[in-house]
Amino acid sequence: VSSTSVPALQSSWRFWPLVHCVSFNDAMPKNFKLLFIDLAEVVWVCVLSRVANKDGETQGQGGSH
C-alpha cells in the first residue's frame, strides 16, 4: 500500500484540479455537472486501479497458460 500511495497522490493532484476547473466553469450546463463528475470518478477509479496494479503486471507476465 505504501508503495502506491505517493503515485496515487501525485495522480490525484494532476487529475482532480483539472476536473474541478471544468465542472466549476459557468460554460458547463448545470444539468451535466453531476454526470461529468460521475464519469470523472469512473475514470479516477480506473487510474487508481492501474496505479495499484502496476507492480502486479510485471510479476504476472511470463506465466504458463
N, C-alpha and C. Protein backbone atom coordinates (compact mmCIF):
# COMPACT_ATOMS: atom_id res chain seq x y z
N VAL A 1 0.83 -1.19 0.00
CA VAL A 1 0.00 0.00 0.00
C VAL A 1 0.87 1.25 0.00
N SER A 2 1.90 1.27 0.81
CA SER A 2 2.73 2.48 0.90
C SER A 2 3.48 2.76 -0.40
N SER A 3 3.78 1.71 -1.17
CA SER A 3 4.50 1.93 -2.43
C SER A 3 3.60 2.55 -3.49
N THR A 4 2.29 2.43 -3.33
CA THR A 4 1.36 3.01 -4.30
C THR A 4 0.75 4.32 -3.82
N SER A 5 0.98 4.68 -2.57
CA SER A 5 0.36 5.90 -2.02
C SER A 5 0.87 7.16 -2.69
N VAL A 6 2.16 7.29 -2.84
CA VAL A 6 2.73 8.51 -3.44
C VAL A 6 2.33 8.64 -4.91
N PRO A 7 2.45 7.59 -5.74
CA PRO A 7 2.00 7.73 -7.13
C PRO A 7 0.50 8.04 -7.23
N ALA A 8 -0.31 7.46 -6.35
CA ALA A 8 -1.74 7.74 -6.37
C ALA A 8 -2.01 9.19 -6.00
N LEU A 9 -1.29 9.70 -5.01
CA LEU A 9 -1.45 11.09 -4.60
C LEU A 9 -1.02 12.04 -5.71
N GLN A 10 0.08 11.74 -6.37
CA GLN A 10 0.54 12.58 -7.48
C GLN A 10 -0.45 12.55 -8.64
N SER A 11 -1.02 11.41 -8.92
CA SER A 11 -2.04 11.32 -9.96
C SER A 11 -3.27 12.13 -9.58
N SER A 12 -3.61 12.08 -8.31
CA SER A 12 -4.76 12.84 -7.82
C SER A 12 -4.56 14.34 -8.01
N TRP A 13 -3.36 14.81 -7.70
CA TRP A 13 -3.07 16.24 -7.85
C TRP A 13 -3.10 16.68 -9.31
N ARG A 14 -2.84 15.77 -10.22
CA ARG A 14 -2.91 16.12 -11.64
C ARG A 14 -4.33 16.03 -12.18
N PHE A 15 -5.11 15.09 -11.67
CA PHE A 15 -6.42 14.79 -12.25
C PHE A 15 -7.53 15.70 -11.73
N TRP A 16 -7.69 15.75 -10.40
CA TRP A 16 -8.86 16.42 -9.84
C TRP A 16 -8.89 17.94 -10.03
N PRO A 17 -7.79 18.67 -9.96
CA PRO A 17 -7.89 20.11 -10.24
C PRO A 17 -8.42 20.41 -11.64
N LEU A 18 -7.99 19.63 -12.61
CA LEU A 18 -8.49 19.81 -13.97
C LEU A 18 -9.99 19.51 -14.04
N VAL A 19 -10.41 18.42 -13.40
CA VAL A 19 -11.83 18.06 -13.40
C VAL A 19 -12.66 19.18 -12.76
N HIS A 20 -12.18 19.71 -11.65
CA HIS A 20 -12.95 20.74 -10.96
C HIS A 20 -12.92 22.07 -11.70
N CYS A 21 -11.86 22.37 -12.40
CA CYS A 21 -11.84 23.59 -13.22
C CYS A 21 -12.91 23.51 -14.30
N VAL A 22 -13.07 22.35 -14.88
CA VAL A 22 -14.10 22.17 -15.91
C VAL A 22 -15.49 22.18 -15.28
N SER A 23 -15.66 21.48 -14.18
CA SER A 23 -17.00 21.36 -13.60
C SER A 23 -17.49 22.66 -12.96
N PHE A 24 -16.58 23.48 -12.43
CA PHE A 24 -16.99 24.74 -11.83
C PHE A 24 -17.09 25.87 -12.84
N ASN A 25 -16.75 25.60 -14.08
CA ASN A 25 -16.83 26.60 -15.13
C ASN A 25 -18.30 26.88 -15.43
N ASP A 26 -18.64 28.15 -15.62
CA ASP A 26 -20.02 28.52 -15.92
C ASP A 26 -20.45 28.08 -17.31
N ALA A 27 -19.51 27.74 -18.17
CA ALA A 27 -19.86 27.31 -19.52
C ALA A 27 -20.53 25.93 -19.52
N MET A 28 -20.28 25.13 -18.48
CA MET A 28 -20.91 23.81 -18.42
C MET A 28 -22.32 23.94 -17.86
N PRO A 29 -23.31 23.42 -18.60
CA PRO A 29 -24.69 23.49 -18.09
C PRO A 29 -24.84 22.72 -16.78
N LYS A 30 -25.68 23.24 -15.90
CA LYS A 30 -25.86 22.63 -14.59
C LYS A 30 -26.38 21.20 -14.69
N ASN A 31 -27.17 20.89 -15.74
CA ASN A 31 -27.71 19.53 -15.88
C ASN A 31 -26.60 18.51 -16.08
N PHE A 32 -25.47 18.91 -16.64
CA PHE A 32 -24.41 17.97 -16.98
C PHE A 32 -23.29 17.89 -15.94
N LYS A 33 -23.32 18.74 -14.95
CA LYS A 33 -22.23 18.76 -13.96
C LYS A 33 -22.15 17.45 -13.18
N LEU A 34 -23.27 16.95 -12.72
CA LEU A 34 -23.27 15.71 -11.96
C LEU A 34 -22.82 14.54 -12.84
N LEU A 35 -23.30 14.49 -14.07
CA LEU A 35 -22.89 13.44 -15.00
C LEU A 35 -21.39 13.51 -15.26
N PHE A 36 -20.87 14.72 -15.45
CA PHE A 36 -19.44 14.89 -15.70
C PHE A 36 -18.61 14.41 -14.51
N ILE A 37 -19.01 14.78 -13.31
CA ILE A 37 -18.28 14.36 -12.11
C ILE A 37 -18.36 12.84 -11.94
N ASP A 38 -19.52 12.25 -12.20
CA ASP A 38 -19.65 10.79 -12.10
C ASP A 38 -18.76 10.08 -13.11
N LEU A 39 -18.69 10.59 -14.32
CA LEU A 39 -17.80 10.00 -15.32
C LEU A 39 -16.33 10.17 -14.93
N ALA A 40 -16.01 11.32 -14.36
CA ALA A 40 -14.64 11.55 -13.89
C ALA A 40 -14.29 10.58 -12.76
N GLU A 41 -15.25 10.27 -11.90
CA GLU A 41 -14.99 9.31 -10.82
C GLU A 41 -14.72 7.92 -11.37
N VAL A 42 -15.44 7.53 -12.43
CA VAL A 42 -15.19 6.22 -13.05
C VAL A 42 -13.78 6.19 -13.64
N VAL A 43 -13.40 7.27 -14.31
CA VAL A 43 -12.04 7.35 -14.86
C VAL A 43 -11.02 7.30 -13.72
N TRP A 44 -11.30 8.00 -12.62
CA TRP A 44 -10.37 8.04 -11.50
C TRP A 44 -10.18 6.65 -10.88
N VAL A 45 -11.26 5.88 -10.77
CA VAL A 45 -11.14 4.53 -10.23
C VAL A 45 -10.27 3.68 -11.15
N CYS A 46 -10.39 3.87 -12.46
CA CYS A 46 -9.53 3.15 -13.40
C CYS A 46 -8.07 3.56 -13.22
N VAL A 47 -7.82 4.84 -13.01
CA VAL A 47 -6.45 5.32 -12.79
C VAL A 47 -5.89 4.71 -11.51
N LEU A 48 -6.67 4.72 -10.43
CA LEU A 48 -6.21 4.13 -9.17
C LEU A 48 -5.94 2.64 -9.32
N SER A 49 -6.79 1.96 -10.04
CA SER A 49 -6.59 0.53 -10.27
C SER A 49 -5.30 0.28 -11.03
N ARG A 50 -5.05 1.11 -12.01
CA ARG A 50 -3.82 0.98 -12.81
C ARG A 50 -2.58 1.23 -11.94
N VAL A 51 -2.64 2.27 -11.09
CA VAL A 51 -1.50 2.59 -10.22
C VAL A 51 -1.29 1.46 -9.20
N ALA A 52 -2.37 0.95 -8.63
CA ALA A 52 -2.25 -0.08 -7.60
C ALA A 52 -1.76 -1.40 -8.16
N ASN A 53 -2.06 -1.69 -9.42
CA ASN A 53 -1.70 -2.98 -10.01
C ASN A 53 -0.50 -2.90 -10.93
N LYS A 54 0.20 -1.79 -10.92
CA LYS A 54 1.38 -1.64 -11.78
C LYS A 54 2.44 -2.68 -11.46
N ASP A 55 2.66 -2.97 -10.19
CA ASP A 55 3.64 -3.98 -9.79
C ASP A 55 3.18 -5.38 -10.18
N GLY A 56 1.90 -5.63 -10.13
CA GLY A 56 1.37 -6.94 -10.45
C GLY A 56 1.50 -7.30 -11.91
N GLU A 57 1.56 -6.30 -12.79
CA GLU A 57 1.71 -6.56 -14.22
C GLU A 57 3.04 -7.23 -14.51
N THR A 58 4.10 -6.74 -13.91
CA THR A 58 5.41 -7.30 -14.20
C THR A 58 5.57 -8.68 -13.56
N GLN A 59 4.95 -8.90 -12.43
CA GLN A 59 5.04 -10.20 -11.78
C GLN A 59 4.17 -11.24 -12.46
N GLY A 60 3.03 -10.81 -13.02
CA GLY A 60 2.09 -11.74 -13.62
C GLY A 60 2.48 -12.19 -15.01
N GLN A 61 3.38 -11.50 -15.68
CA GLN A 61 3.76 -11.87 -17.04
C GLN A 61 4.73 -13.04 -17.01
N GLY A 62 4.67 -13.82 -18.06
CA GLY A 62 5.61 -14.92 -18.19
C GLY A 62 5.12 -16.21 -17.57
N GLY A 63 3.87 -16.22 -17.11
CA GLY A 63 3.32 -17.43 -16.53
C GLY A 63 2.87 -18.40 -17.60
N SER A 64 2.62 -19.64 -17.22
CA SER A 64 2.17 -20.64 -18.19
C SER A 64 0.67 -20.53 -18.39
N HIS A 65 0.22 -20.86 -19.60
CA HIS A 65 -1.21 -20.79 -19.93
C HIS A 65 -1.77 -22.16 -20.09
